N, C-alpha and C. Protein backbone atom coordinates (compact mmCIF):
# COMPACT_ATOMS: atom_id res chain seq x y z
N MET A 1 3.27 -20.85 5.86
CA MET A 1 2.04 -21.41 5.35
C MET A 1 0.90 -20.62 6.32
N SER A 2 -0.11 -19.92 5.88
CA SER A 2 -1.25 -19.54 6.73
C SER A 2 -2.49 -20.31 6.48
N LEU A 3 -2.91 -20.83 7.65
CA LEU A 3 -4.33 -21.64 7.49
C LEU A 3 -5.46 -20.50 7.64
N TYR A 4 -6.60 -21.15 7.26
CA TYR A 4 -7.81 -20.33 7.39
C TYR A 4 -8.32 -19.94 8.74
N THR A 5 -9.22 -19.12 8.94
CA THR A 5 -9.65 -18.54 10.15
C THR A 5 -10.34 -19.35 11.07
N SER A 6 -10.13 -19.23 12.34
CA SER A 6 -10.70 -19.90 13.47
C SER A 6 -12.41 -19.93 13.24
N ASP A 7 -13.10 -19.08 12.73
CA ASP A 7 -14.50 -18.95 12.76
C ASP A 7 -15.03 -19.76 11.63
N ASP A 8 -14.39 -20.27 10.65
CA ASP A 8 -14.79 -21.11 9.79
C ASP A 8 -14.68 -22.48 10.14
N PRO A 9 -15.98 -23.26 10.18
CA PRO A 9 -15.96 -24.71 10.65
C PRO A 9 -15.32 -25.65 9.78
N TYR A 10 -15.30 -25.46 8.45
CA TYR A 10 -14.56 -26.45 7.67
C TYR A 10 -13.31 -25.93 7.27
N TYR A 11 -13.37 -24.91 6.23
CA TYR A 11 -12.14 -24.41 5.74
C TYR A 11 -11.18 -23.85 6.57
N GLY A 12 -11.65 -23.54 7.88
CA GLY A 12 -10.65 -22.90 8.73
C GLY A 12 -10.13 -24.01 9.70
N SER A 13 -10.68 -23.87 10.89
CA SER A 13 -10.09 -24.67 12.17
C SER A 13 -10.16 -26.12 12.04
N TYR A 14 -10.95 -26.65 11.06
CA TYR A 14 -10.97 -28.04 10.89
C TYR A 14 -9.50 -28.64 10.37
N TYR A 15 -8.64 -27.79 9.97
CA TYR A 15 -7.46 -28.18 9.64
C TYR A 15 -6.22 -27.89 10.63
N TRP A 16 -6.78 -27.26 11.87
CA TRP A 16 -5.78 -26.87 12.77
C TRP A 16 -5.34 -28.20 13.73
N THR A 17 -4.79 -29.23 13.10
CA THR A 17 -4.52 -30.59 13.74
C THR A 17 -3.24 -30.96 13.67
N ASN A 18 -2.83 -32.05 14.37
CA ASN A 18 -1.57 -32.63 14.25
C ASN A 18 -1.36 -33.15 12.87
N ASP A 19 -2.21 -33.71 12.13
CA ASP A 19 -2.25 -34.35 10.84
C ASP A 19 -1.97 -33.36 9.83
N THR A 20 -2.51 -32.20 9.90
CA THR A 20 -2.04 -31.09 9.02
C THR A 20 -0.73 -30.43 9.25
N MET A 21 -0.18 -30.22 10.53
CA MET A 21 1.06 -29.89 10.78
C MET A 21 2.17 -30.83 10.38
N LEU A 22 1.95 -31.97 10.56
CA LEU A 22 2.83 -32.99 10.09
C LEU A 22 2.94 -33.01 8.54
N LYS A 23 1.81 -32.93 7.92
CA LYS A 23 1.89 -32.93 6.41
C LYS A 23 2.39 -31.64 5.93
N LEU A 24 2.13 -30.53 6.34
CA LEU A 24 2.91 -29.40 6.03
C LEU A 24 4.39 -29.25 6.24
N LYS A 25 4.71 -29.95 7.39
CA LYS A 25 6.07 -29.93 7.61
C LYS A 25 6.93 -31.10 6.48
N CYS A 26 6.18 -32.20 6.49
CA CYS A 26 6.89 -33.27 5.63
C CYS A 26 6.65 -33.36 4.20
N TYR A 27 5.47 -32.86 3.71
CA TYR A 27 5.11 -32.97 2.41
C TYR A 27 5.25 -31.42 1.68
N TRP A 28 4.94 -30.45 2.47
CA TRP A 28 4.93 -29.08 1.89
C TRP A 28 6.28 -28.33 2.32
N ASN A 29 7.19 -28.93 3.09
CA ASN A 29 8.37 -28.41 3.51
C ASN A 29 8.18 -27.03 4.24
N SER A 30 6.99 -26.84 4.82
CA SER A 30 6.84 -25.52 5.51
C SER A 30 7.50 -25.59 6.95
N ASN A 31 8.06 -24.70 7.41
CA ASN A 31 8.62 -24.73 8.76
C ASN A 31 7.93 -23.77 9.89
N VAL A 32 6.79 -22.98 9.29
CA VAL A 32 6.06 -22.16 10.10
C VAL A 32 4.67 -22.24 9.65
N VAL A 33 3.68 -22.14 10.62
CA VAL A 33 2.16 -22.18 10.30
C VAL A 33 1.75 -21.01 11.02
N ARG A 34 0.56 -20.35 10.36
CA ARG A 34 -0.04 -19.23 10.99
C ARG A 34 -1.41 -19.55 11.11
N ILE A 35 -2.05 -19.33 12.47
CA ILE A 35 -3.32 -19.55 12.74
C ILE A 35 -4.04 -18.25 12.96
N PRO A 36 -4.92 -17.94 12.13
CA PRO A 36 -5.55 -16.57 12.37
C PRO A 36 -6.82 -16.81 13.17
N LEU A 37 -6.58 -16.29 14.51
CA LEU A 37 -7.81 -16.43 15.47
C LEU A 37 -8.75 -15.12 15.25
N ILE A 38 -9.77 -15.21 14.56
CA ILE A 38 -10.89 -14.22 14.37
C ILE A 38 -11.28 -13.65 15.68
N VAL A 39 -11.24 -12.33 15.96
CA VAL A 39 -11.40 -11.68 17.21
C VAL A 39 -12.82 -11.28 17.07
N ALA A 40 -13.46 -10.55 16.17
CA ALA A 40 -14.63 -10.02 16.15
C ALA A 40 -15.70 -10.92 15.54
N GLY A 41 -16.90 -10.53 15.22
CA GLY A 41 -17.95 -11.51 14.35
C GLY A 41 -18.55 -12.33 15.47
N SER A 42 -19.72 -12.97 14.93
CA SER A 42 -20.62 -13.84 15.76
C SER A 42 -19.72 -15.00 16.24
N ALA A 43 -19.07 -15.37 15.47
CA ALA A 43 -18.32 -16.89 15.75
C ALA A 43 -16.76 -16.58 16.32
N GLY A 44 -16.42 -15.23 16.31
CA GLY A 44 -15.19 -15.00 16.70
C GLY A 44 -14.81 -14.99 18.33
N TYR A 45 -13.63 -14.66 18.59
CA TYR A 45 -13.12 -14.61 20.04
C TYR A 45 -13.86 -14.05 20.99
N ILE A 46 -14.33 -12.83 20.70
CA ILE A 46 -15.16 -11.94 21.59
C ILE A 46 -16.38 -12.65 22.02
N ASN A 47 -17.22 -13.10 21.04
CA ASN A 47 -18.48 -13.65 21.23
C ASN A 47 -18.49 -15.08 21.55
N ASP A 48 -17.48 -15.93 21.14
CA ASP A 48 -17.35 -17.35 21.57
C ASP A 48 -15.84 -17.70 21.99
N THR A 49 -15.55 -16.87 23.21
CA THR A 49 -14.12 -17.02 23.63
C THR A 49 -13.74 -18.56 23.90
N GLU A 50 -14.37 -19.31 24.63
CA GLU A 50 -13.97 -20.69 24.97
C GLU A 50 -13.79 -21.53 23.68
N THR A 51 -14.72 -21.65 22.82
CA THR A 51 -14.42 -22.45 21.68
C THR A 51 -13.32 -22.04 20.71
N ASN A 52 -13.04 -20.68 20.62
CA ASN A 52 -11.96 -20.13 19.98
C ASN A 52 -10.55 -20.52 20.73
N TYR A 53 -10.72 -20.24 21.93
CA TYR A 53 -9.42 -20.42 22.71
C TYR A 53 -8.89 -22.01 22.66
N LYS A 54 -9.94 -22.75 22.82
CA LYS A 54 -9.63 -24.42 22.54
C LYS A 54 -8.93 -24.66 21.36
N LYS A 55 -9.46 -23.92 20.17
CA LYS A 55 -8.93 -24.25 18.94
C LYS A 55 -7.49 -23.88 18.77
N VAL A 56 -7.21 -22.60 19.58
CA VAL A 56 -5.64 -22.13 19.46
C VAL A 56 -4.63 -23.01 20.21
N ILE A 57 -5.25 -23.57 21.54
CA ILE A 57 -4.48 -24.38 22.29
C ILE A 57 -4.24 -25.63 21.60
N GLY A 58 -5.25 -26.19 20.76
CA GLY A 58 -5.01 -27.54 20.14
C GLY A 58 -3.91 -27.24 18.87
N ALA A 59 -3.99 -26.21 18.26
CA ALA A 59 -2.93 -25.74 17.23
C ALA A 59 -1.54 -25.77 17.78
N ILE A 60 -1.54 -24.83 18.81
CA ILE A 60 -0.25 -24.76 19.48
C ILE A 60 0.45 -26.18 19.71
N GLU A 61 -0.36 -26.84 20.63
CA GLU A 61 0.04 -28.28 20.89
C GLU A 61 0.38 -29.17 19.84
N ALA A 62 -0.43 -29.01 18.73
CA ALA A 62 -0.11 -29.75 17.36
C ALA A 62 1.39 -29.40 17.01
N ALA A 63 1.46 -27.99 16.93
CA ALA A 63 2.68 -27.59 16.32
C ALA A 63 3.83 -27.99 17.17
N ILE A 64 3.88 -27.94 18.59
CA ILE A 64 4.97 -28.32 19.39
C ILE A 64 5.14 -29.78 19.14
N GLU A 65 4.23 -30.54 19.16
CA GLU A 65 4.36 -32.09 19.03
C GLU A 65 5.10 -32.45 17.66
N THR A 66 4.64 -31.69 16.63
CA THR A 66 5.15 -31.87 15.30
C THR A 66 6.65 -31.27 15.15
N GLY A 67 7.01 -30.34 15.86
CA GLY A 67 8.43 -29.57 15.79
C GLY A 67 8.30 -28.60 14.76
N ILE A 68 7.30 -27.78 14.74
CA ILE A 68 7.10 -26.77 13.64
C ILE A 68 6.71 -25.34 14.41
N TYR A 69 7.12 -24.15 13.80
CA TYR A 69 6.72 -22.91 14.50
C TYR A 69 5.37 -22.55 13.97
N ILE A 70 4.74 -21.88 15.19
CA ILE A 70 3.37 -21.50 14.82
C ILE A 70 3.20 -20.11 15.27
N ILE A 71 2.68 -19.42 14.32
CA ILE A 71 2.48 -17.88 14.56
C ILE A 71 0.83 -17.73 15.14
N VAL A 72 0.65 -17.38 16.39
CA VAL A 72 -0.58 -17.11 17.00
C VAL A 72 -1.13 -15.69 16.52
N ASP A 73 -1.83 -15.75 15.55
CA ASP A 73 -2.27 -14.35 14.91
C ASP A 73 -3.62 -13.78 15.49
N TRP A 74 -3.47 -12.75 16.19
CA TRP A 74 -4.61 -11.90 16.75
C TRP A 74 -5.19 -11.33 15.49
N HIS A 75 -6.23 -12.02 14.83
CA HIS A 75 -6.71 -11.49 13.38
C HIS A 75 -7.87 -10.37 13.57
N ALA A 76 -7.41 -9.31 13.98
CA ALA A 76 -8.22 -8.12 14.29
C ALA A 76 -7.88 -6.87 13.36
N PHE A 77 -8.89 -6.26 12.99
CA PHE A 77 -8.92 -5.07 12.28
C PHE A 77 -9.27 -3.83 12.88
N ASP A 78 -9.36 -3.97 14.32
CA ASP A 78 -9.52 -2.75 15.08
C ASP A 78 -8.80 -3.12 16.56
N ASP A 79 -8.82 -2.07 17.32
CA ASP A 79 -7.94 -2.19 18.55
C ASP A 79 -9.02 -2.96 19.61
N TYR A 80 -8.62 -3.94 20.01
CA TYR A 80 -9.25 -4.65 21.12
C TYR A 80 -8.33 -5.05 22.19
N LEU A 81 -7.78 -4.04 22.88
CA LEU A 81 -6.72 -4.28 23.80
C LEU A 81 -7.26 -4.92 25.12
N ASN A 82 -8.52 -4.67 25.44
CA ASN A 82 -8.91 -5.27 26.59
C ASN A 82 -9.06 -6.74 26.63
N TYR A 83 -9.18 -7.29 25.33
CA TYR A 83 -9.16 -8.73 25.04
C TYR A 83 -7.69 -9.17 24.75
N SER A 84 -6.99 -8.58 23.87
CA SER A 84 -5.69 -9.17 23.39
C SER A 84 -4.70 -9.20 24.74
N LEU A 85 -4.77 -8.23 25.62
CA LEU A 85 -3.97 -8.40 26.75
C LEU A 85 -3.92 -9.59 27.56
N PRO A 86 -5.17 -9.90 28.05
CA PRO A 86 -5.33 -11.21 28.93
C PRO A 86 -5.07 -12.43 27.92
N PHE A 87 -5.52 -12.18 26.63
CA PHE A 87 -5.21 -13.59 25.75
C PHE A 87 -3.81 -13.82 25.55
N PHE A 88 -3.06 -13.00 25.39
CA PHE A 88 -1.45 -12.97 25.05
C PHE A 88 -0.82 -13.39 26.46
N ALA A 89 -1.26 -12.78 27.50
CA ALA A 89 -0.72 -13.06 28.76
C ALA A 89 -0.95 -14.45 29.17
N ASN A 90 -2.00 -15.00 28.68
CA ASN A 90 -2.37 -16.53 29.03
C ASN A 90 -1.56 -17.47 28.22
N ILE A 91 -1.62 -17.10 26.92
CA ILE A 91 -0.76 -17.92 25.93
C ILE A 91 0.65 -18.08 26.21
N SER A 92 1.26 -16.90 26.53
CA SER A 92 2.65 -16.95 26.98
C SER A 92 2.99 -17.58 28.25
N ALA A 93 2.04 -17.51 29.17
CA ALA A 93 2.21 -18.27 30.43
C ALA A 93 2.20 -19.73 30.13
N LEU A 94 1.40 -20.11 29.23
CA LEU A 94 1.29 -21.56 28.97
C LEU A 94 2.56 -22.02 28.05
N TYR A 95 2.82 -21.22 27.14
CA TYR A 95 3.78 -21.93 26.16
C TYR A 95 4.93 -21.16 25.78
N GLY A 96 5.20 -19.87 26.62
CA GLY A 96 6.37 -19.21 26.43
C GLY A 96 7.59 -19.82 26.52
N GLN A 97 7.82 -21.01 27.16
CA GLN A 97 8.89 -21.86 27.34
C GLN A 97 9.28 -22.57 26.11
N TYR A 98 8.32 -22.53 25.06
CA TYR A 98 8.54 -23.38 23.83
C TYR A 98 9.00 -22.28 22.74
N PRO A 99 10.05 -22.63 22.13
CA PRO A 99 10.64 -21.85 21.07
C PRO A 99 9.79 -21.83 19.81
N HIS A 100 8.66 -22.62 19.80
CA HIS A 100 7.90 -22.92 18.72
C HIS A 100 6.87 -21.62 18.35
N VAL A 101 6.59 -21.12 19.42
CA VAL A 101 5.58 -19.94 19.52
C VAL A 101 5.96 -18.61 19.22
N ILE A 102 5.38 -17.97 17.98
CA ILE A 102 5.45 -16.70 17.70
C ILE A 102 4.17 -15.98 17.80
N TYR A 103 4.20 -14.78 18.29
CA TYR A 103 3.02 -14.08 18.61
C TYR A 103 2.77 -12.90 17.67
N GLU A 104 1.71 -12.86 16.93
CA GLU A 104 1.29 -11.66 16.14
C GLU A 104 0.17 -10.77 16.76
N THR A 105 0.62 -9.65 17.24
CA THR A 105 -0.31 -9.07 18.10
C THR A 105 -1.52 -8.40 17.54
N TYR A 106 -1.35 -8.14 16.12
CA TYR A 106 -2.44 -7.29 15.61
C TYR A 106 -2.48 -7.47 14.08
N ASN A 107 -3.32 -8.32 13.62
CA ASN A 107 -3.29 -8.58 12.04
C ASN A 107 -3.12 -7.36 11.30
N GLU A 108 -4.17 -6.68 11.01
CA GLU A 108 -4.06 -5.70 9.97
C GLU A 108 -4.74 -4.25 10.59
N PRO A 109 -4.00 -3.41 11.10
CA PRO A 109 -4.53 -2.27 11.82
C PRO A 109 -5.45 -1.33 10.99
N SER A 110 -6.35 -0.79 11.35
CA SER A 110 -7.23 0.14 10.77
C SER A 110 -6.42 1.28 10.18
N TRP A 111 -6.96 1.74 8.93
CA TRP A 111 -6.44 2.79 8.23
C TRP A 111 -6.23 3.99 9.08
N ALA A 112 -7.18 4.24 10.17
CA ALA A 112 -7.19 5.37 11.13
C ALA A 112 -6.16 5.59 12.14
N ASP A 113 -5.32 4.23 12.22
CA ASP A 113 -4.38 4.24 13.29
C ASP A 113 -3.26 4.70 12.89
N SER A 114 -2.61 5.69 13.63
CA SER A 114 -1.28 6.32 13.50
C SER A 114 -0.32 5.07 14.06
N TRP A 115 0.90 5.42 13.72
CA TRP A 115 2.07 4.49 14.23
C TRP A 115 2.21 4.75 15.83
N THR A 116 2.05 6.09 16.18
CA THR A 116 1.81 6.45 17.54
C THR A 116 0.84 5.62 18.22
N THR A 117 -0.25 5.82 17.72
CA THR A 117 -1.51 5.08 18.36
C THR A 117 -1.19 3.41 18.36
N LEU A 118 -0.77 3.02 17.48
CA LEU A 118 -0.26 1.56 17.38
C LEU A 118 0.70 1.19 18.33
N LYS A 119 1.60 1.93 18.48
CA LYS A 119 2.74 1.70 19.39
C LYS A 119 2.12 1.60 20.88
N ASN A 120 0.99 2.51 21.08
CA ASN A 120 0.50 2.69 22.45
C ASN A 120 -0.44 1.47 22.64
N TYR A 121 -0.77 0.79 21.57
CA TYR A 121 -1.57 -0.60 21.68
C TYR A 121 -0.38 -1.82 21.99
N HIS A 122 0.58 -1.79 20.93
CA HIS A 122 1.55 -2.82 21.10
C HIS A 122 2.45 -3.03 22.20
N ILE A 123 2.72 -1.94 22.90
CA ILE A 123 3.82 -1.87 24.04
C ILE A 123 3.03 -2.60 25.10
N PRO A 124 1.86 -2.28 25.61
CA PRO A 124 1.20 -3.13 26.73
C PRO A 124 1.21 -4.51 26.35
N VAL A 125 0.70 -5.11 25.23
CA VAL A 125 0.63 -6.49 24.89
C VAL A 125 2.07 -6.98 24.99
N ILE A 126 3.18 -6.39 24.45
CA ILE A 126 4.42 -6.92 24.45
C ILE A 126 4.86 -7.11 25.82
N ASN A 127 4.69 -6.15 26.75
CA ASN A 127 4.88 -6.25 28.15
C ASN A 127 4.12 -7.51 28.76
N ALA A 128 3.10 -7.70 28.33
CA ALA A 128 2.37 -8.91 28.98
C ALA A 128 2.91 -10.38 28.49
N ILE A 129 3.34 -10.13 27.21
CA ILE A 129 3.93 -11.40 26.83
C ILE A 129 5.49 -11.49 27.48
N ARG A 130 6.25 -10.61 27.39
CA ARG A 130 7.40 -10.59 28.25
C ARG A 130 7.54 -10.92 29.51
N ALA A 131 6.35 -10.71 30.34
CA ALA A 131 6.52 -11.12 31.81
C ALA A 131 6.47 -12.54 31.76
N ASN A 132 6.18 -13.42 30.87
CA ASN A 132 6.26 -14.83 30.85
C ASN A 132 7.15 -15.42 29.74
N ASP A 133 7.57 -14.61 28.75
CA ASP A 133 8.33 -15.19 27.63
C ASP A 133 9.11 -14.03 27.19
N PRO A 134 10.48 -14.10 27.74
CA PRO A 134 11.29 -12.92 27.45
C PRO A 134 12.17 -13.09 26.10
N ASP A 135 12.19 -14.28 25.27
CA ASP A 135 12.65 -14.22 24.05
C ASP A 135 11.96 -14.53 22.68
N ASN A 136 10.90 -15.16 22.68
CA ASN A 136 10.25 -15.52 21.43
C ASN A 136 9.95 -14.23 20.59
N ILE A 137 9.91 -14.43 19.31
CA ILE A 137 9.50 -13.16 18.47
C ILE A 137 8.17 -12.84 18.70
N ILE A 138 7.96 -11.50 18.64
CA ILE A 138 6.73 -11.01 18.64
C ILE A 138 6.60 -9.96 17.12
N ILE A 139 5.59 -10.30 16.50
CA ILE A 139 5.35 -9.49 15.30
C ILE A 139 4.39 -8.43 15.60
N VAL A 140 4.51 -7.22 15.18
CA VAL A 140 3.59 -6.21 15.46
C VAL A 140 3.03 -5.61 14.18
N GLY A 141 1.78 -5.25 14.03
CA GLY A 141 1.18 -4.67 12.93
C GLY A 141 1.54 -3.16 12.57
N THR A 142 1.73 -2.84 11.32
CA THR A 142 1.99 -1.56 11.01
C THR A 142 1.04 -0.70 10.39
N PRO A 143 1.20 0.57 10.13
CA PRO A 143 0.00 1.31 9.70
C PRO A 143 -0.42 1.03 8.28
N ARG A 144 -1.74 1.32 8.16
CA ARG A 144 -2.53 1.07 6.97
C ARG A 144 -2.53 -0.48 6.43
N SER A 145 -2.97 -1.30 7.42
CA SER A 145 -3.07 -2.72 7.08
C SER A 145 -1.78 -3.30 6.73
N ASP A 146 -0.65 -2.99 7.44
CA ASP A 146 0.64 -3.44 7.34
C ASP A 146 1.23 -3.07 5.95
N VAL A 147 1.16 -1.77 5.72
CA VAL A 147 1.69 -1.37 4.46
C VAL A 147 2.87 -0.54 4.63
N ASP A 148 2.59 0.47 5.81
CA ASP A 148 3.69 1.52 6.04
C ASP A 148 4.49 1.06 6.92
N VAL A 149 5.40 0.04 6.67
CA VAL A 149 6.51 -0.38 7.44
C VAL A 149 7.71 0.71 7.48
N ASP A 150 7.70 1.46 6.47
CA ASP A 150 8.73 2.44 6.47
C ASP A 150 8.49 3.63 7.58
N ILE A 151 7.29 3.85 7.81
CA ILE A 151 6.78 4.75 8.91
C ILE A 151 7.26 4.28 10.41
N ALA A 152 6.98 2.95 10.47
CA ALA A 152 7.34 2.26 11.65
C ALA A 152 8.96 2.35 11.88
N ALA A 153 9.43 2.24 10.80
CA ALA A 153 11.08 2.13 10.85
C ALA A 153 11.64 3.51 11.29
N THR A 154 10.84 4.58 11.23
CA THR A 154 11.24 5.93 11.53
C THR A 154 11.23 5.97 13.24
N SER A 155 10.49 5.18 13.84
CA SER A 155 10.39 5.04 15.24
C SER A 155 9.97 3.74 15.84
N PRO A 156 10.92 2.74 15.81
CA PRO A 156 10.76 1.49 16.16
C PRO A 156 10.40 1.36 17.52
N ILE A 157 9.87 0.15 18.04
CA ILE A 157 9.63 -0.18 19.46
C ILE A 157 11.02 -0.52 20.10
N ASN A 158 11.39 0.12 20.99
CA ASN A 158 12.60 -0.07 21.75
C ASN A 158 12.77 -1.41 22.60
N MET A 159 12.54 -2.51 21.99
CA MET A 159 12.48 -3.83 22.78
C MET A 159 12.97 -4.86 21.79
N THR A 160 13.65 -5.91 22.42
CA THR A 160 14.22 -7.00 21.51
C THR A 160 13.37 -8.04 21.06
N ASN A 161 13.76 -8.64 20.05
CA ASN A 161 13.10 -9.66 19.17
C ASN A 161 11.76 -9.17 18.67
N ILE A 162 11.57 -8.08 18.23
CA ILE A 162 10.24 -7.51 17.61
C ILE A 162 10.43 -7.56 16.08
N ALA A 163 9.63 -8.07 15.34
CA ALA A 163 9.50 -8.06 14.03
C ALA A 163 8.18 -7.02 13.68
N TYR A 164 8.28 -6.57 12.37
CA TYR A 164 7.08 -5.91 11.83
C TYR A 164 6.61 -6.31 10.48
N THR A 165 5.33 -6.20 10.57
CA THR A 165 4.56 -6.99 9.49
C THR A 165 4.32 -6.15 8.18
N LEU A 166 4.54 -6.83 7.17
CA LEU A 166 4.18 -6.25 5.91
C LEU A 166 3.47 -7.32 5.20
N HIS A 167 2.07 -6.77 4.74
CA HIS A 167 1.32 -7.74 3.73
C HIS A 167 1.09 -7.15 2.55
N TYR A 168 1.10 -7.96 1.63
CA TYR A 168 1.07 -7.52 0.18
C TYR A 168 0.19 -8.56 -0.68
N TYR A 169 -0.48 -7.99 -1.76
CA TYR A 169 -1.28 -8.83 -2.59
C TYR A 169 -0.92 -8.23 -4.05
N THR A 170 -0.76 -8.99 -4.87
CA THR A 170 -0.18 -8.71 -6.19
C THR A 170 -1.27 -7.95 -7.24
N ASN A 171 -2.47 -7.82 -6.81
CA ASN A 171 -3.41 -6.92 -7.58
C ASN A 171 -3.49 -5.50 -7.22
N LEU A 172 -2.65 -5.31 -6.19
CA LEU A 172 -2.48 -4.08 -5.54
C LEU A 172 -1.25 -3.25 -6.08
N ASN A 173 -0.76 -2.24 -5.55
CA ASN A 173 0.36 -1.38 -6.08
C ASN A 173 1.78 -2.00 -5.68
N GLU A 174 1.99 -3.14 -6.28
CA GLU A 174 3.16 -3.99 -5.75
C GLU A 174 4.60 -3.21 -5.76
N SER A 175 4.60 -2.34 -6.63
CA SER A 175 5.95 -1.49 -6.55
C SER A 175 6.01 -0.66 -5.33
N ASN A 176 4.96 -0.20 -4.98
CA ASN A 176 4.88 0.70 -3.67
C ASN A 176 5.37 -0.30 -2.60
N PHE A 177 4.70 -1.47 -2.48
CA PHE A 177 4.99 -2.29 -1.24
C PHE A 177 6.64 -2.46 -1.31
N GLN A 178 7.36 -2.80 -2.35
CA GLN A 178 8.65 -2.99 -2.42
C GLN A 178 9.52 -1.78 -1.93
N VAL A 179 9.08 -0.56 -2.49
CA VAL A 179 9.75 0.67 -2.10
C VAL A 179 9.69 0.74 -0.47
N LYS A 180 8.48 0.58 0.08
CA LYS A 180 8.36 0.75 1.30
C LYS A 180 9.11 -0.29 2.17
N GLY A 181 9.00 -1.63 1.72
CA GLY A 181 10.03 -2.67 2.44
C GLY A 181 11.29 -2.39 2.35
N GLN A 182 11.87 -1.91 1.21
CA GLN A 182 13.17 -1.79 0.89
C GLN A 182 13.84 -0.50 1.97
N ASN A 183 12.81 0.61 1.88
CA ASN A 183 13.21 1.62 2.81
C ASN A 183 13.32 1.29 4.11
N ALA A 184 12.35 0.50 4.57
CA ALA A 184 12.40 -0.07 6.09
C ALA A 184 13.48 -0.78 6.23
N SER A 185 13.70 -1.61 5.50
CA SER A 185 14.94 -2.57 5.62
C SER A 185 16.33 -1.78 5.69
N ASN A 186 16.24 -0.68 4.92
CA ASN A 186 17.49 0.12 4.78
C ASN A 186 17.84 0.82 6.14
N MET A 187 16.74 1.23 6.81
CA MET A 187 16.64 1.74 8.16
C MET A 187 16.87 0.65 9.20
N GLY A 188 16.91 -0.76 9.06
CA GLY A 188 17.46 -1.64 9.86
C GLY A 188 16.13 -2.26 10.46
N LEU A 189 14.91 -2.11 10.01
CA LEU A 189 13.67 -2.70 10.53
C LEU A 189 13.64 -4.28 10.08
N PRO A 190 13.47 -4.92 11.16
CA PRO A 190 13.20 -6.68 10.93
C PRO A 190 11.78 -6.63 10.30
N ILE A 191 11.57 -7.13 8.94
CA ILE A 191 10.27 -7.21 8.31
C ILE A 191 9.96 -8.75 8.44
N PHE A 192 8.53 -9.00 8.67
CA PHE A 192 8.06 -10.50 8.60
C PHE A 192 6.72 -10.32 7.83
N VAL A 193 6.71 -10.95 6.57
CA VAL A 193 5.67 -11.12 5.73
C VAL A 193 4.73 -12.22 6.38
N THR A 194 3.66 -11.93 7.15
CA THR A 194 3.02 -13.00 7.69
C THR A 194 1.67 -13.21 6.85
N GLU A 195 1.55 -12.55 5.79
CA GLU A 195 0.21 -12.87 4.88
C GLU A 195 0.65 -12.08 3.52
N TYR A 196 0.30 -12.80 2.43
CA TYR A 196 0.41 -12.37 1.06
C TYR A 196 -0.46 -13.16 0.04
N GLY A 197 -0.71 -12.68 -1.15
CA GLY A 197 -1.55 -13.37 -1.83
C GLY A 197 -1.01 -13.19 -3.26
N VAL A 198 -1.27 -14.14 -4.09
CA VAL A 198 -0.72 -14.07 -5.57
C VAL A 198 -1.87 -13.46 -6.44
N CYS A 199 -2.97 -12.96 -5.97
CA CYS A 199 -3.99 -12.44 -6.71
C CYS A 199 -4.58 -11.39 -5.78
N SER A 200 -6.08 -11.27 -5.76
CA SER A 200 -6.96 -10.59 -5.17
C SER A 200 -6.74 -10.77 -3.45
N THR A 201 -7.25 -9.74 -2.61
CA THR A 201 -7.15 -9.85 -1.44
C THR A 201 -8.16 -10.70 -0.76
N TYR A 202 -9.13 -11.14 -1.69
CA TYR A 202 -10.09 -12.10 -1.50
C TYR A 202 -10.04 -13.45 -2.03
N GLY A 203 -8.92 -13.65 -2.76
CA GLY A 203 -8.50 -14.91 -3.16
C GLY A 203 -9.04 -15.15 -4.75
N ASN A 204 -9.58 -14.24 -5.30
CA ASN A 204 -10.18 -14.30 -6.51
C ASN A 204 -9.33 -13.37 -7.58
N GLY A 205 -9.79 -13.47 -8.81
CA GLY A 205 -8.81 -12.68 -9.83
C GLY A 205 -7.84 -13.44 -10.51
N THR A 206 -7.04 -12.95 -11.32
CA THR A 206 -5.83 -13.64 -12.16
C THR A 206 -4.82 -13.67 -11.23
N VAL A 207 -4.30 -14.89 -11.10
CA VAL A 207 -2.83 -15.19 -10.55
C VAL A 207 -1.83 -14.45 -11.21
N ASN A 208 -1.14 -13.48 -10.40
CA ASN A 208 0.02 -12.78 -11.05
C ASN A 208 1.35 -13.42 -10.98
N TYR A 209 1.58 -14.24 -11.72
CA TYR A 209 2.84 -15.21 -11.49
C TYR A 209 4.25 -14.14 -11.47
N ASN A 210 4.36 -13.34 -12.39
CA ASN A 210 5.52 -12.49 -12.52
C ASN A 210 5.76 -11.73 -11.44
N VAL A 211 4.76 -11.00 -10.85
CA VAL A 211 4.85 -10.20 -9.75
C VAL A 211 5.09 -11.06 -8.45
N THR A 212 4.33 -12.13 -8.30
CA THR A 212 4.87 -12.96 -7.18
C THR A 212 6.04 -13.33 -7.07
N LYS A 213 6.59 -13.80 -8.25
CA LYS A 213 8.12 -14.28 -8.41
C LYS A 213 8.97 -13.02 -8.02
N ASP A 214 8.58 -11.99 -8.62
CA ASP A 214 9.48 -10.71 -8.32
C ASP A 214 9.61 -10.25 -6.85
N PHE A 215 8.31 -10.49 -6.12
CA PHE A 215 8.21 -10.09 -4.75
C PHE A 215 9.00 -11.28 -3.89
N TRP A 216 9.01 -12.44 -4.20
CA TRP A 216 9.76 -13.50 -3.49
C TRP A 216 11.28 -13.20 -3.64
N ASN A 217 11.77 -12.72 -4.80
CA ASN A 217 13.00 -12.43 -5.05
C ASN A 217 13.39 -11.27 -4.22
N PHE A 218 12.56 -10.38 -4.16
CA PHE A 218 12.83 -9.16 -3.31
C PHE A 218 12.99 -9.46 -1.78
N LEU A 219 12.06 -10.34 -1.19
CA LEU A 219 12.07 -10.74 0.14
C LEU A 219 13.33 -11.58 0.45
N GLY A 220 13.84 -12.20 -0.58
CA GLY A 220 15.15 -12.97 -0.50
C GLY A 220 16.44 -12.13 -0.20
N LYS A 221 16.19 -10.66 -0.53
CA LYS A 221 17.41 -9.82 -0.51
C LYS A 221 17.38 -9.00 0.71
N VAL A 222 16.02 -8.66 1.11
CA VAL A 222 16.06 -7.72 2.39
C VAL A 222 16.19 -8.46 3.57
């Protein structure tokens, strides 16, 4: 289950609470919750670091108390390495001893970023995390907004407990997503779908039940 973004005062971080985590676990049967930390923008992490950081800390502690996994999502669309390095170093130093914490180092990379460029971003961030947390899962973004997992599979990062992001929305070319996901899986790449939608990328449009069900079945096999 992915909650809404940190920069939205009501639909977003308003729900980053113990009560939400408990209800998601006990009533929705969720075992992992994703919190999207908005990086850019007037109310994002870069321009309002303290407020956003406190929100993340509160959500992590709520997840730990509830006994649910939490994905700390660096919700960026461009390379902000100078900010992500100290952020993940701090989070891993504080909470790396808890198995509940999963790190997502780059939400949806720019289409201009090659996999080589992305590896040059991910590896320093991974090293900063691993200095404090040698074991917990780290999820890395893949080219073209997390579509080209098959490209990442041809040259994976040579470190343990790394998963690779695949995002999909049913109003896009869903068959292409499955082909890419299957090809990457065939090459042994661990795939983690941290975000998907049953309609448009902006939450509007017709809900495509058939394609959604088909993709769920596909993910159950890879």
